[in-house]
Protein backbone atom coordinates (compact mmCIF):
# COMPACT_ATOMS: atom_id res chain seq x y z
CA MET A 1 9.41 -48.97 -133.54
CA LEU A 2 10.53 -45.70 -132.34
CA GLU A 3 14.98 -45.63 -132.70
CA ARG A 4 16.44 -44.99 -129.34
CA ALA A 5 16.88 -41.57 -129.29
CA ARG A 6 20.93 -41.04 -127.08
CA CYS A 7 20.12 -37.88 -125.38
CA THR A 8 21.84 -37.21 -122.00
CA LEU A 9 22.57 -33.51 -121.37
CA SER A 10 21.49 -32.27 -117.53
CA SER A 11 22.51 -30.12 -115.71
CA LEU A 12 25.54 -30.96 -113.00
CA SER A 13 26.46 -29.67 -109.99
CA ARG A 14 30.00 -29.39 -108.64
CA LEU A 15 31.61 -32.90 -107.01
CA LYS A 16 33.68 -33.05 -103.86
CA VAL A 17 36.09 -35.57 -106.04
CA SER A 18 36.73 -36.61 -109.51
CA THR A 19 35.96 -40.52 -110.46
CA VAL A 20 34.05 -41.69 -113.86
CA ALA A 21 30.41 -40.79 -113.13
CA VAL A 22 28.05 -42.66 -114.59
CA LEU A 23 24.70 -44.21 -114.81
CA ALA A 24 21.96 -42.96 -113.29
CA LEU A 25 20.02 -45.88 -110.89
CA ALA A 26 15.99 -45.80 -109.98
CA ALA A 27 15.06 -45.96 -106.77
CA CYS A 28 12.01 -48.80 -105.63
CA SER A 29 10.31 -49.09 -102.33
CA SER A 30 10.51 -53.24 -102.94
CA SER A 31 14.02 -53.77 -103.99
CA PRO A 32 16.36 -54.72 -101.49
CA HIS A 33 18.71 -52.94 -103.07
CA GLY A 34 16.69 -49.65 -103.43
CA ASN A 35 15.96 -46.98 -99.84
CA GLY A 36 11.80 -46.30 -100.80
CA ASP A 37 10.42 -43.66 -101.95
CA GLY A 38 13.57 -42.17 -101.65
CA SER A 39 12.78 -39.11 -99.55
CA ALA A 40 15.99 -39.95 -97.05
CA LEU A 41 18.41 -38.96 -99.78
CA ALA A 42 19.69 -35.38 -99.62
CA ASP A 43 22.71 -33.74 -100.22
CA LEU A 44 25.22 -34.63 -97.34
CA GLY A 45 27.79 -31.82 -98.67
CA VAL A 46 29.97 -33.13 -100.29
CA HIS A 47 29.90 -30.02 -103.18
CA ASP A 48 32.60 -27.73 -101.14
CA GLY A 49 33.88 -26.95 -104.48
CA SER A 50 36.97 -28.09 -104.08
CA VAL A 51 39.55 -28.10 -107.12
CA LEU A 52 40.23 -31.31 -108.92
CA PRO A 53 43.62 -31.82 -109.91
CA ALA A 54 44.75 -31.47 -113.15
CA ASP A 55 44.63 -35.10 -114.34
CA GLY A 56 40.97 -35.91 -113.03
CA ALA A 57 42.27 -37.89 -110.61
CA LEU A 58 41.38 -38.16 -107.09
CA PRO A 59 42.34 -36.02 -104.35
CA PRO A 60 44.59 -37.96 -101.72
CA ASP A 61 41.27 -37.34 -99.23
CA GLY A 62 39.18 -39.55 -101.93
CA GLY A 63 35.86 -39.15 -100.50
CA THR A 64 33.78 -41.06 -102.88
CA LEU A 65 31.10 -43.93 -101.69
CA ALA A 66 33.80 -46.32 -103.06
CA ASP A 67 36.15 -45.67 -100.80
CA GLU A 68 33.85 -46.18 -98.23
CA TYR A 69 32.51 -49.49 -99.57
CA PRO A 70 35.38 -51.00 -100.58
CA GLY A 71 34.34 -53.85 -103.84
CA ASP A 72 31.37 -52.24 -103.46
CA VAL A 73 30.04 -54.04 -100.25
CA GLY A 74 27.37 -52.83 -97.83
CA LEU A 75 26.74 -49.78 -100.42
CA SER A 76 22.87 -51.03 -101.06
CA GLY A 77 22.01 -49.54 -97.63
CA ASP A 78 23.79 -46.38 -97.51
CA PRO A 79 20.81 -43.72 -97.89
CA ARG A 80 22.70 -41.85 -100.78
CA VAL A 81 22.13 -44.05 -102.54
CA VAL A 82 19.20 -44.36 -104.83
CA TRP A 83 19.56 -47.10 -107.00
CA LEU A 84 21.68 -49.92 -107.02
CA GLU A 85 22.28 -52.65 -109.57
CA ASP A 86 24.43 -55.43 -108.96
CA PHE A 87 23.35 -57.83 -111.25
CA GLU A 88 23.76 -60.57 -108.15
CA LEU A 89 19.92 -61.92 -107.58
CA ALA A 90 19.47 -65.39 -108.50
CA SER A 91 17.99 -65.41 -112.44
CA VAL A 92 17.92 -62.72 -115.18
CA THR A 93 13.84 -62.80 -114.48
CA ALA A 94 14.55 -61.64 -110.68
CA ILE A 95 16.38 -58.88 -111.37
CA LEU A 96 13.61 -57.29 -114.50
CA ALA A 97 11.32 -57.98 -111.65
CA ARG A 98 12.30 -54.98 -110.24
CA TYR A 99 11.99 -52.75 -113.57
CA ASP A 100 9.24 -51.27 -115.06
CA ASP A 101 9.81 -51.65 -118.63
CA LYS A 102 11.85 -54.85 -120.42
CA LYS A 103 12.58 -55.86 -123.79
CA ASN A 104 13.96 -58.90 -125.07
CA PRO A 105 15.05 -60.60 -121.66
CA GLY A 106 15.91 -63.49 -123.85
CA GLY A 107 18.99 -61.44 -124.73
CA MET A 108 19.92 -61.16 -121.45
CA THR A 109 22.14 -63.61 -119.76
CA LEU A 110 24.21 -63.82 -116.03
CA VAL A 111 27.09 -64.20 -116.99
CA ALA A 112 30.23 -65.12 -114.33
CA ASP A 113 32.81 -62.67 -115.44
CA LYS A 114 32.73 -58.71 -113.43
CA PRO A 115 35.29 -56.39 -112.91
CA ALA A 116 38.27 -55.75 -110.60
CA ARG A 117 37.62 -55.45 -107.08
CA SER A 118 34.09 -56.66 -107.76
CA GLY A 119 32.44 -57.62 -104.11
CA GLY A 120 30.12 -59.73 -107.36
CA ALA A 121 30.23 -63.18 -108.86
CA SER A 122 28.05 -61.74 -111.97
CA SER A 123 27.78 -59.67 -114.38
CA LEU A 124 25.02 -59.10 -117.09
CA ARG A 125 25.45 -59.68 -120.73
CA LEU A 126 23.03 -57.84 -122.89
CA THR A 127 22.85 -59.13 -126.79
CA ALA A 128 20.96 -57.09 -129.52
CA GLY A 129 20.56 -57.16 -133.32
CA GLY A 130 19.10 -59.82 -136.00
CA THR A 131 15.47 -60.20 -135.04
CA ASN A 132 15.81 -58.37 -131.82
CA SER A 133 17.51 -54.69 -132.07
CA ALA A 134 16.38 -53.91 -128.65
CA THR A 135 17.61 -55.54 -125.41
CA ASP A 136 16.91 -52.86 -122.38
CA PHE A 137 15.81 -52.15 -119.34
CA PHE A 138 13.95 -49.37 -117.89
CA LYS A 139 13.52 -47.09 -113.75
CA LYS A 140 11.09 -45.18 -112.86
CA LEU A 141 13.11 -43.11 -110.09
CA PRO A 142 11.97 -41.00 -107.16
CA ASP A 143 12.75 -36.77 -108.88
CA HIS A 144 15.63 -35.20 -108.12
CA ASP A 145 17.73 -32.65 -109.35
CA GLU A 146 21.34 -33.63 -109.43
CA LEU A 147 22.25 -37.13 -109.32
CA PHE A 148 25.40 -39.33 -109.78
CA VAL A 149 25.74 -42.19 -112.23
CA ARG A 150 28.06 -45.06 -111.79
CA TRP A 151 28.76 -48.07 -114.14
CA TYR A 152 30.96 -50.98 -114.99
CA VAL A 153 30.63 -51.88 -119.10
CA LYS A 154 32.56 -53.96 -121.41
CA TYR A 155 32.47 -54.06 -125.18
CA GLN A 156 32.63 -56.74 -127.39
CA ALA A 157 35.21 -55.83 -130.52
CA SER A 158 34.10 -54.59 -134.18
CA VAL A 159 30.13 -54.27 -133.65
CA PRO A 160 28.30 -51.14 -135.20
CA TRP A 161 26.70 -50.31 -132.04
CA HIS A 162 23.41 -48.25 -132.34
CA HIS A 163 22.68 -47.07 -128.55
CA THR A 164 24.21 -48.67 -126.36
CA GLY A 165 25.48 -47.50 -123.56
CA VAL A 166 23.56 -45.84 -120.70
CA TRP A 167 20.52 -43.54 -120.66
CA PHE A 168 19.40 -40.85 -117.72
CA GLY A 169 17.65 -37.93 -117.38
CA GLY A 170 13.32 -36.64 -116.56
CA TYR A 171 9.81 -37.08 -117.88
CA ASP A 172 7.40 -34.77 -116.93
CA PRO A 173 5.04 -36.46 -116.30
CA ALA A 174 7.69 -39.31 -114.66
CA THR A 175 6.67 -42.51 -116.83
CA LEU A 176 7.18 -46.17 -116.72
CA TYR A 177 8.87 -46.59 -120.16
CA PRO A 178 11.38 -44.97 -122.14
CA ASN A 179 10.27 -42.16 -124.58
CA PRO A 180 12.96 -41.08 -126.79
CA GLN A 181 10.75 -39.34 -129.38
CA ALA A 182 14.21 -39.13 -131.25
CA GLY A 183 14.65 -36.53 -133.97
CA LEU A 184 12.71 -34.12 -131.51
CA LYS A 185 13.69 -30.98 -129.99
CA PRO A 186 12.76 -31.28 -126.59
CA ASN A 187 10.52 -28.09 -125.40
CA GLY A 188 12.13 -27.51 -121.77
CA ASP A 189 8.93 -28.81 -119.67
CA ASP A 190 8.44 -32.49 -121.27
CA ARG A 191 12.08 -34.76 -121.14
CA PHE A 192 15.91 -34.25 -121.24
CA SER A 193 18.50 -37.13 -121.54
CA ILE A 194 21.58 -37.52 -120.59
CA ALA A 195 23.81 -40.65 -121.82
CA ILE A 196 27.00 -41.84 -122.74
CA GLU A 197 27.80 -44.13 -125.54
CA PRO A 198 29.96 -45.50 -128.73
CA VAL A 199 29.72 -41.77 -130.62
CA TYR A 200 32.45 -41.82 -133.27
CA GLY A 201 34.73 -44.29 -134.88
CA ILE A 202 31.95 -47.43 -134.33
CA GLY A 203 33.53 -50.69 -135.70
CA SER A 204 36.82 -50.16 -135.75
CA ALA A 205 39.85 -50.68 -132.62
CA ALA A 206 39.71 -46.75 -132.59
CA ALA A 207 36.19 -45.94 -131.39
CA ARG A 208 34.67 -43.44 -129.03
CA PHE A 209 32.91 -42.37 -125.76
CA ASP A 210 30.46 -39.19 -126.10
CA THR A 211 27.42 -37.45 -125.20
CA TYR A 212 24.42 -37.98 -126.89
CA ASP A 213 21.70 -35.75 -125.30
CA TYR A 214 18.87 -34.24 -125.95
CA TRP A 215 17.55 -30.73 -124.40
CA MET A 216 16.21 -27.95 -125.01
CA GLN A 217 18.84 -25.89 -125.42
CA MET A 218 20.53 -28.82 -128.05
CA HIS A 219 21.72 -27.84 -131.52
CA SER A 220 20.62 -29.58 -134.85
CA TYR A 221 22.12 -31.42 -137.53
CA GLU A 222 20.43 -28.89 -139.84
CA ASP A 223 21.11 -25.05 -141.28
CA MET A 224 17.32 -24.69 -140.93
CA PRO A 225 16.06 -26.77 -138.53
CA SER A 226 12.52 -28.04 -139.86
CA GLY A 227 10.06 -30.61 -139.19
CA ALA A 228 10.48 -33.72 -137.42
CA GLY A 229 13.82 -35.40 -137.87
CA ALA A 230 15.85 -32.40 -137.20
CA TYR A 231 17.60 -32.60 -134.10
CA TYR A 232 19.74 -35.81 -133.24
CA GLY A 233 21.72 -36.10 -129.58
CA ASN A 234 24.62 -33.96 -129.34
CA GLY A 235 28.44 -34.82 -128.56
CA LEU A 236 30.07 -32.65 -126.22
CA ILE A 237 33.61 -34.66 -125.20
CA HIS A 238 35.79 -35.03 -128.67
CA ARG A 239 38.68 -36.16 -126.77
CA ASN A 240 40.70 -38.61 -128.94
CA ASP A 241 41.23 -40.72 -125.25
CA PHE A 242 37.43 -41.40 -124.60
CA THR A 243 38.02 -44.35 -125.62
CA LEU A 244 35.87 -48.12 -125.62
CA ASP A 245 38.86 -49.99 -124.23
CA GLU A 246 37.09 -53.05 -126.42
CA GLY A 247 36.53 -56.32 -124.21
CA SER A 248 37.84 -54.40 -120.86
CA TRP A 249 35.94 -53.24 -118.49
CA VAL A 250 35.81 -49.41 -118.06
CA CYS A 251 34.20 -47.64 -115.39
CA ILE A 252 31.71 -44.49 -116.42
CA GLU A 253 30.66 -42.15 -114.37
CA VAL A 254 28.02 -39.20 -114.74
CA HIS A 255 27.21 -36.25 -112.69
CA ALA A 256 23.87 -33.88 -113.55
CA VAL A 257 22.46 -30.81 -112.21
CA VAL A 258 19.70 -29.48 -113.22
CA ASN A 259 19.28 -25.42 -113.93
CA PRO A 260 17.99 -24.15 -110.10
CA ASP A 261 16.33 -21.86 -111.96
CA ALA A 262 13.76 -22.21 -114.50
CA THR A 263 14.48 -19.02 -116.85
CA SER A 264 18.43 -20.39 -117.80
CA GLY A 265 21.24 -22.34 -117.34
CA ALA A 266 22.16 -21.00 -114.46
CA GLY A 267 23.63 -23.52 -111.57
CA ALA A 268 23.55 -26.15 -114.24
CA VAL A 269 26.49 -29.07 -114.42
CA LEU A 270 27.41 -31.81 -115.85
CA GLU A 271 30.27 -33.78 -115.62
CA VAL A 272 31.71 -37.53 -117.00
CA TRP A 273 34.78 -39.41 -116.02
CA LYS A 274 36.17 -42.02 -117.73
CA ASN A 275 38.55 -44.64 -114.56
CA ASP A 276 38.03 -41.58 -112.39
CA GLN A 277 39.79 -39.94 -115.06
CA LEU A 278 37.75 -36.37 -115.88
CA MET A 279 37.16 -35.86 -119.52
CA ARG A 280 34.96 -33.20 -119.47
CA SER A 281 33.50 -30.55 -116.60
CA PHE A 282 30.65 -27.80 -117.98
CA THR A 283 29.27 -25.50 -115.92
CA ASP A 284 27.62 -22.27 -116.91
CA ALA A 285 31.01 -20.86 -116.81
CA GLY A 286 32.65 -22.86 -119.17
CA PRO A 287 34.88 -23.46 -120.58
CA LEU A 288 34.81 -21.69 -123.98
CA GLY A 289 33.86 -23.70 -126.88
CA TYR A 290 32.02 -23.43 -130.05
CA TRP A 291 29.23 -25.31 -132.32
CA ILE A 292 29.60 -27.36 -134.86
CA LYS A 293 25.67 -27.60 -136.26
CA ASP A 294 25.09 -30.48 -133.72
CA LYS A 295 28.28 -30.80 -131.72
CA PHE A 296 30.03 -28.57 -129.18
CA CYS A 297 33.54 -28.25 -129.58
CA PRO A 298 35.01 -27.00 -125.60
CA MET A 299 38.75 -26.20 -125.88
CA GLY A 300 41.10 -28.96 -125.86
CA SER A 301 39.00 -30.46 -128.27
CA ASP A 302 41.30 -33.16 -130.11
CA GLY A 303 38.70 -35.15 -132.03
CA SER A 304 38.58 -34.88 -135.43
CA GLU A 305 34.71 -34.05 -136.21
CA CYS A 306 36.08 -30.77 -134.34
CA THR A 307 39.52 -30.18 -135.35
CA ASP A 308 38.48 -30.51 -138.78
CA TYR A 309 36.21 -27.51 -138.87
CA PRO A 310 38.04 -25.08 -136.39
CA ALA A 311 36.33 -21.92 -134.87
CA PRO A 312 36.75 -19.33 -132.48
CA ALA A 313 35.76 -21.06 -129.06
CA ASN A 314 33.96 -17.98 -127.58
CA THR A 315 31.18 -19.22 -126.24
CA VAL A 316 29.66 -22.07 -122.93
CA LEU A 317 26.98 -24.09 -123.16
CA ASP A 318 23.83 -23.60 -122.05
CA LEU A 319 23.07 -26.55 -119.17
CA GLN A 320 19.45 -24.91 -119.40
CA VAL A 321 17.75 -28.38 -119.77
CA ARG A 322 14.39 -27.52 -118.29
CA SER A 323 11.88 -24.14 -117.83
CA THR A 324 9.54 -25.05 -115.47
CA THR A 325 11.02 -26.60 -112.13
CA SER A 326 8.17 -29.85 -112.12
CA LEU A 327 11.14 -30.92 -114.43
CA HIS A 328 13.31 -33.55 -112.83
CA LEU A 329 15.98 -36.22 -112.95
CA ASN A 330 14.07 -39.13 -112.80
CA TYR A 331 14.71 -42.30 -114.93
CA PHE A 332 17.20 -44.94 -115.16
CA TRP A 333 17.95 -46.08 -118.97
CA PRO A 334 20.37 -49.22 -119.93
CA GLN A 335 20.30 -50.57 -123.43
CA ASN A 336 21.55 -52.48 -125.80
CA TYR A 337 20.32 -50.71 -129.27
CA VAL A 338 21.45 -52.56 -132.60
CA THR A 339 19.88 -52.33 -135.95
CA ASP A 340 22.22 -54.31 -137.70
CA ALA A 341 22.05 -58.27 -139.14
CA SER A 342 24.41 -59.09 -136.78
CA THR A 343 24.17 -59.13 -133.62
CA GLY A 344 26.42 -57.78 -130.13
CA ASP A 345 27.39 -58.05 -126.96
CA VAL A 346 27.66 -55.52 -123.95
CA GLN A 347 28.13 -56.60 -120.18
CA LEU A 348 26.93 -54.06 -117.61
CA ASP A 349 27.76 -54.03 -114.32
CA ASP A 350 27.89 -52.69 -110.56
CA MET A 351 26.02 -49.50 -111.03
CA VAL A 352 25.08 -47.19 -108.63
CA VAL A 353 22.74 -43.87 -109.22
CA ALA A 354 23.55 -41.64 -106.00
CA THR A 355 23.34 -38.32 -104.35
CA SER A 356 26.45 -38.12 -103.61
CA ARG A 357 29.50 -39.32 -105.78
CA VAL A 358 30.57 -42.69 -106.13
CA GLY A 359 33.20 -43.72 -107.94
CA CYS A 360 35.30 -46.33 -109.43
CA LEU A 361 35.36 -50.07 -107.31
CA ARG A 362 38.32 -49.48 -104.36
């Protein structure tokens, strides 16, 4: 079975406000939560270039979808929503019927536990490991060049996570199933992926999130990359406070804008929030940083994977994820993938993919 490739690097555009950006959700014409084929979705002008506060907190005027829909009540009907999953249908079977691909439905359970401020009553628990390493569901989305993905997640403590989190990105041609191609660098005309999942300190109380991105400008962990297996997901955040907070609900949001010009990374954006605090914001203008093999360390990185190998911060992250404008953001893939004899549980809830900033629940 193919190892789940945890890549997630896509160009992201400037947000008007800062809130935990997470999850790309898919649009489904038959879904009560979707909005048809996505043709009515449009950029409503939220990217006005306003400056975010230094601490990443929301500006006083709000401006997120969460501000407009407290508890997310009524949010599914907003035309800016591409896909919404609140796990409020009557059964796991009914929920999975909305997705194009799924693995190990028996490892999924609806539970009466939800994030504070949620307007729903349940979340979905995904169990993986032992005889069933992969528990996941996949949704093909309409093509977009910019998306905001927000989700809530609660991790069980002290689990040897492998790939457990949310992935989204693009395939050309679009597919109805995940095809991560672990270890292989994308060409730029085929695929890219953006992911947030446990990457550092796994299995300990200090476990941290990071990206696990695959894209055409990614770097290898090998000094002289050669053959299959030379490229695995790149980490880009490297903050010691980007913790899993095991046993507690965490709000994550990711904002991605793919490069408009297929010949360079100009205009691309990648932004990540945790609990409405901005963790990183990458554009073609910065921040400056340096590469340590498959890790890009922006200025201010305090993770030991960066600080143990200091170098001059003299380059920017190349966010070129595509070499052709026929490659778009078009899939959403939450997963729990544990390759261990023991099992691990993760809970997901209130997942939204939208064309405007979502923000954490109000």
